[in-house]
Protein backbone atom coordinates (compact mmCIF):
# COMPACT_ATOMS: atom_id res chain seq x y z
CA MET A 1 -0.37 -0.14 -0.31
CA LYS A 2 1.19 3.90 -0.73
CA MET A 3 -0.51 6.58 1.32
CA ALA A 4 -0.22 10.92 0.67
CA ILE A 5 -1.28 12.81 3.12
CA ARG A 6 -1.25 16.08 2.30
CA SER A 7 -2.14 19.55 3.93
CA VAL A 8 -4.72 22.00 2.54
CA GLU A 9 -2.40 24.71 0.47
CA HIS A 10 -4.60 27.64 -0.23
CA HIS A 11 -5.17 29.94 3.01
CA LEU A 12 -9.27 30.32 1.43
CA LEU A 13 -10.11 26.52 1.86
CA ARG A 14 -8.05 25.76 5.11
CA ASP A 15 -10.71 26.20 7.26
CA HIS A 16 -13.40 24.21 5.29
CA ILE A 17 -10.48 20.85 4.64
CA GLN A 18 -8.31 19.08 6.59
CA TYR A 19 -6.52 17.81 4.54
CA TYR A 20 -6.58 15.28 1.19
CA VAL A 21 -5.31 11.38 1.36
CA PHE A 22 -3.99 9.99 -1.87
CA THR A 23 -4.14 5.70 -1.86
CA GLU A 24 -3.13 3.23 -4.13
CA TYR A 25 -3.11 -0.40 -2.90
CA ALA A 26 -1.42 -3.67 -5.36
CA GLY A 27 -3.65 -6.28 -3.40
CA SER A 28 -5.87 -7.08 -0.25
CA PHE A 29 -5.84 -5.07 2.60
CA ALA A 30 -8.56 -4.18 5.27
CA TYR A 31 -9.21 -2.00 8.38
CA ARG A 32 -11.25 -0.75 10.80
CA THR A 33 -11.95 2.93 11.13
CA PHE A 34 -13.98 4.93 14.00
CA PRO A 35 -16.99 7.96 14.25
CA ASN A 36 -15.90 11.23 13.36
CA THR A 37 -16.95 14.65 12.60
CA ASN A 38 -16.37 15.49 9.02
CA LEU A 39 -17.58 14.75 5.72
CA CYS A 40 -14.99 12.24 3.53
CA LEU A 41 -15.42 12.17 -0.40
CA ALA A 42 -13.57 9.46 -2.00
CA LEU A 43 -12.58 9.35 -5.76
CA TYR A 44 -11.95 6.24 -7.55
CA ARG A 45 -10.86 4.68 -10.33
CA GLN A 46 -12.20 1.23 -11.76
CA ASN A 47 -13.19 -0.15 -8.70
CA ARG A 48 -16.68 -1.12 -7.01
CA ILE A 49 -18.10 0.01 -3.65
CA GLU A 50 -20.39 -2.42 -1.77
CA TYR A 51 -21.42 -0.58 1.29
CA SER A 52 -23.74 -2.25 3.81
CA GLU A 53 -24.54 -2.29 7.75
CA GLY A 54 -24.47 -4.10 9.91
CA ALA A 55 -25.96 -4.92 13.13
CA LYS A 56 -22.28 -4.24 15.21
CA ALA A 57 -20.70 -2.57 12.11
CA ASN A 58 -20.85 -0.67 8.84
CA SER A 59 -18.54 -2.16 6.07
CA CYS A 60 -17.54 -1.70 2.83
CA VAL A 61 -16.17 -4.19 0.27
CA ILE A 62 -13.78 -2.13 -2.99
CA THR A 63 -13.36 -4.74 -6.02
CA GLY A 64 -11.75 -3.97 -9.22
CA GLY A 65 -13.72 -4.29 -12.62
CA GLY A 66 -15.51 -1.01 -11.72
CA PRO A 67 -16.18 2.00 -13.92
CA ALA A 68 -13.69 3.72 -15.35
CA TYR A 69 -13.71 6.71 -12.24
CA GLY A 70 -16.41 6.75 -9.23
CA SER A 71 -17.07 8.66 -6.32
CA ALA A 72 -18.49 7.96 -2.63
CA LEU A 73 -19.75 10.25 0.11
CA TRP A 74 -18.28 9.37 3.56
CA GLY A 75 -19.26 10.00 7.12
CA TRP A 76 -21.69 10.00 10.09
CA HIS A 77 -20.87 6.63 10.86
CA ARG A 78 -22.21 5.52 14.61
CA LYS A 79 -20.25 2.05 14.56
CA PRO A 80 -16.90 0.91 13.48
CA PHE A 81 -16.43 1.58 10.04
CA GLU A 82 -14.90 -1.90 8.20
CA VAL A 83 -13.19 -1.41 5.15
CA LYS A 84 -11.70 -4.49 2.53
CA VAL A 85 -10.00 -3.32 -0.41
CA GLU A 86 -9.75 -6.81 -2.51
CA GLY A 87 -7.48 -6.13 -5.92
CA PRO A 88 -5.60 -3.19 -6.81
CA SER A 89 -7.54 0.24 -5.91
CA GLU A 90 -6.58 3.66 -6.16
CA GLN A 91 -8.53 6.66 -4.55
CA VAL A 92 -8.19 10.38 -3.71
CA CYS A 93 -9.95 11.48 -0.85
CA ILE A 94 -10.98 15.09 0.07
CA VAL A 95 -11.52 15.17 3.99
CA PHE A 96 -13.25 17.82 4.72
CA HIS A 97 -13.51 20.02 8.97
CA PRO A 98 -17.06 19.81 10.42
CA GLY A 99 -19.79 21.95 8.06
CA GLY A 100 -16.84 22.59 5.52
CA LEU A 101 -18.64 20.63 2.77
CA ARG A 102 -21.95 23.15 2.94
CA LYS A 103 -19.85 25.59 2.25
CA PHE A 104 -19.14 24.27 -1.60
CA THR A 105 -22.91 22.73 -2.28
CA THR A 106 -25.87 23.45 -1.71
CA VAL A 107 -27.34 19.65 -2.41
CA PRO A 108 -28.77 17.95 0.43
CA PHE A 109 -25.96 15.15 2.77
CA THR A 110 -28.64 13.02 2.66
CA GLU A 111 -28.96 13.03 -1.06
CA VAL A 112 -25.40 11.49 -1.86
CA LEU A 113 -24.02 9.52 1.30
CA LYS A 114 -22.99 6.34 1.13
CA GLY A 115 -25.23 6.37 -2.38
CA GLN A 116 -23.17 4.81 -5.80
CA GLU A 117 -21.51 8.34 -6.86
CA ALA A 118 -21.45 11.21 -5.14
CA LEU A 119 -18.81 14.00 -7.46
CA GLU A 120 -21.52 15.04 -9.72
CA PRO A 121 -24.65 15.19 -7.81
CA LEU A 122 -22.76 17.65 -5.40
CA PHE A 123 -20.62 19.92 -7.52
CA GLY A 124 -23.26 19.72 -11.03
CA PRO A 125 -21.64 18.65 -14.74
CA GLN A 126 -18.48 20.60 -14.15
CA ALA A 127 -17.17 18.09 -11.70
CA ARG A 128 -17.64 15.43 -14.47
CA PHE A 129 -14.26 16.04 -15.82
CA LEU A 130 -12.20 16.09 -12.57
CA PRO A 131 -11.96 12.33 -11.62
CA GLU A 132 -9.67 11.68 -14.81
CA GLN A 133 -7.53 15.04 -14.72
CA LEU A 134 -6.48 13.19 -10.61
CA PHE A 135 -5.73 10.59 -11.57
CA GLY A 136 -3.69 11.78 -15.02
CA VAL A 137 -1.63 12.90 -12.82
CA GLU A 138 1.59 11.35 -10.63
CA ARG A 139 2.77 13.82 -7.87
CA PRO A 140 0.46 14.30 -5.37
CA GLU A 141 1.36 17.94 -4.91
CA ASP A 142 -0.23 17.96 -8.24
CA LYS A 143 -3.18 16.65 -7.62
CA VAL A 144 -3.58 19.09 -4.93
CA ALA A 145 -2.96 21.84 -7.67
CA LEU A 146 -5.82 20.38 -9.54
CA LEU A 147 -8.22 19.89 -6.39
CA GLU A 148 -7.88 23.26 -5.23
CA SER A 149 -7.95 24.32 -8.25
CA PHE A 150 -11.46 23.27 -8.36
CA LEU A 151 -12.55 23.51 -5.11
CA LEU A 152 -11.79 27.25 -5.27
CA GLY A 153 -14.71 27.57 -8.59
CA GLN A 154 -16.75 26.19 -6.26
CA LEU A 155 -16.62 28.37 -3.07
CA ALA A 156 -16.49 31.58 -5.18
CA ARG A 157 -19.81 29.91 -6.37
CA ARG A 158 -21.63 29.65 -3.17
CA ARG A 159 -23.55 32.28 -0.40
CA GLN A 160 -21.76 32.18 2.91
CA GLU A 161 -23.57 31.25 5.70
CA ASP A 162 -24.02 33.45 9.01
CA GLY A 163 -21.31 30.97 10.82
CA ALA A 164 -23.96 30.50 13.80
CA VAL A 165 -23.35 26.41 13.25
CA ASP A 166 -19.11 26.97 12.69
CA TRP A 167 -19.47 28.98 15.83
CA ALA A 168 -21.10 26.14 17.79
CA ALA A 169 -19.38 23.11 16.08
CA ARG A 170 -15.42 24.87 17.22
CA GLN A 171 -17.42 25.01 20.76
CA MET A 172 -18.20 21.55 21.19
CA ILE A 173 -14.59 20.62 20.18
CA GLN A 174 -13.07 23.26 22.24
CA ARG A 175 -14.74 21.73 25.26
CA ARG A 176 -14.30 18.80 24.01
CA GLY A 177 -18.20 17.57 24.25
CA GLY A 178 -18.33 19.57 27.56
CA LEU A 179 -21.27 21.35 27.44
CA ARG A 180 -25.10 21.19 26.26
CA VAL A 181 -26.91 21.79 23.09
CA GLU A 182 -29.42 23.81 25.21
CA GLU A 183 -26.65 26.29 26.06
CA LEU A 184 -25.53 26.82 22.74
CA ALA A 185 -28.72 27.29 21.56
CA ARG A 186 -29.49 29.86 23.92
CA ALA A 187 -25.94 31.82 23.91
CA LEU A 188 -27.22 31.89 19.59
CA GLN A 189 -30.52 33.28 20.32
CA PHE A 190 -32.07 29.93 18.90
CA ASN A 191 -34.31 27.86 20.12
CA PRO A 192 -33.76 23.79 19.48
CA SER A 193 -35.32 23.15 16.57
CA THR A 194 -33.83 26.00 14.39
CA LEU A 195 -30.23 24.77 15.96
CA TYR A 196 -31.54 21.04 15.13
CA ARG A 197 -32.09 22.46 11.54
CA ARG A 198 -28.97 24.07 11.60
CA PHE A 199 -27.32 21.87 12.22
CA MET A 200 -28.59 19.21 9.79
CA ASN A 201 -28.41 21.80 6.84
CA ASP A 202 -25.06 22.70 7.58
CA ILE A 203 -22.81 19.94 8.66
CA GLY A 204 -25.39 16.59 7.96
CA GLN A 205 -25.84 15.67 11.62
CA PRO A 206 -27.83 16.73 14.52
CA PRO A 207 -26.41 18.38 17.37
CA LYS A 208 -26.77 15.96 19.77
CA GLU A 209 -24.97 13.40 18.01
CA PHE A 210 -22.25 15.69 16.47
CA LEU A 211 -21.63 16.17 20.08
CA SER A 212 -21.47 13.01 21.40
CA THR A 213 -19.10 11.72 17.74
CA VAL A 214 -16.72 14.99 19.26
CA GLN A 215 -16.32 13.88 22.33
CA PHE A 216 -15.19 10.89 21.57
CA ARG A 217 -12.57 12.00 19.25
CA ALA A 218 -11.40 13.33 22.14
CA ALA A 219 -11.25 10.30 24.15
CA LEU A 220 -9.56 8.96 21.13
CA ALA A 221 -6.82 11.58 20.69
CA GLY A 222 -5.94 11.04 24.59
CA ILE A 223 -5.63 7.59 23.80
CA SER A 224 -3.54 7.95 20.50
CA ALA A 225 -1.27 10.45 22.16
CA ARG A 226 -1.33 8.47 25.41
CA ARG A 227 -0.71 11.38 27.21
CA ALA A 228 -2.82 10.82 30.37
CA ALA A 229 -1.31 8.45 33.06
CA THR A 230 -4.88 6.24 32.96
CA LEU A 231 -7.48 5.09 30.92
CA THR A 232 -10.05 6.15 33.11
CA GLN A 233 -8.25 9.35 33.23
CA VAL A 234 -8.81 9.64 29.94
CA GLY A 235 -12.18 9.39 29.73
CA TYR A 236 -12.31 11.98 32.61
CA GLU A 237 -10.41 14.38 30.65
CA ALA A 238 -12.75 13.74 27.75
CA GLU A 239 -16.05 14.22 30.32
CA TYR A 240 -17.79 11.05 30.63
CA PHE A 241 -19.79 10.89 33.17
CA ASP A 242 -18.05 7.94 34.63
CA GLN A 243 -15.87 5.00 33.60
CA SER A 244 -18.95 3.26 32.49
CA HIS A 245 -20.35 5.09 29.95
CA PHE A 246 -16.72 5.45 28.92
CA ILE A 247 -16.45 2.15 28.60
CA LYS A 248 -20.22 1.41 26.88
CA SER A 249 -19.23 4.41 24.16
CA PHE A 250 -16.23 2.86 23.23
CA ARG A 251 -17.48 -0.41 22.74
CA LYS A 252 -20.37 0.77 20.30
CA MET A 253 -18.02 3.65 18.30
CA THR A 254 -14.77 1.14 17.46
CA GLY A 255 -16.01 -2.79 18.53
CA LEU A 256 -13.50 -2.53 21.29
CA SER A 257 -12.65 -1.68 25.07
CA PRO A 258 -10.55 0.93 25.69
CA ALA A 259 -7.65 -1.19 26.71
CA MET A 260 -7.49 -3.05 23.53
CA LEU A 261 -8.18 -0.61 21.04
CA GLN A 262 -4.85 1.23 22.78
CA LYS A 263 -3.04 -2.19 21.71
CA ARG A 264 -4.55 -2.51 18.92
CA MET A 265 -4.70 1.28 17.65
CA SER A 266 -2.07 2.43 15.06
CA THR A 267 -2.14 6.26 13.79
CA VAL A 268 -0.96 7.33 10.46
CA GLU A 269 0.94 11.06 10.83
CA GLY A 270 -0.86 11.64 13.63
CA ARG A 271 -3.80 12.16 11.36
CA ILE A 272 -5.56 8.59 10.63
CA SER A 273 -6.13 7.38 13.82
CA TRP A 274 -7.39 3.38 12.52
CA VAL A 275 -6.84 -0.74 13.44
CA VAL A 276 -5.46 -2.57 10.49
CA GLU A 277 -6.87 -6.36 10.58
């Protein structure tokens, strides 16, 4: 497997996009990732994507023999996300900040999330030739330049919102989930139904689910960095009610206890946390 993670170059895009990932798989590879606060737009070359939801995990199988180019929008898993690559695969992924994708498109996310095709439904016919351009160059730096040229064009077409949901999401992340949705609604002078509607439109997830995912990711970062003396301290710093709540949440979102996850998890450049199966 070859993987390259690249930072966002253009300053106008940095508030909306976390990073880009370029991968090539020559053979079989399997991994498990976990619920996150972002959305990921993935572009594929000559692959078939089969997505399914199970009782304990969601899964995606990537095989060869597909169309010349394809795309999918991933995110908002409430369970582990298990990926199996069977055969050659090449991917380009754009990982957005919470609410970041909304700055480039007005299309409701539910219309394309986990579907068979996402690129043109999100961005229109002007996106049709982007995959051919991206997979036609080898260097990650050239792929970044192509992506950012396209995304800046999309950004210029969008009317920017008032920033209320962006502010609320930042507050949740800064507090590691340690606040209540009602507090945010009062601070924004929104009623709860307005905050819910705005989160669904701008981010794609209800505020309470977003908050619980933020809390989980804060604990996951603590486990990954091993900055706390004990796992109990990790749960405490992430604002879980008690150790039982911490362990139950982790089992739901990872399929593993915090202790087992700590033994098996690895990170790529401090950005991608996964368990390689």
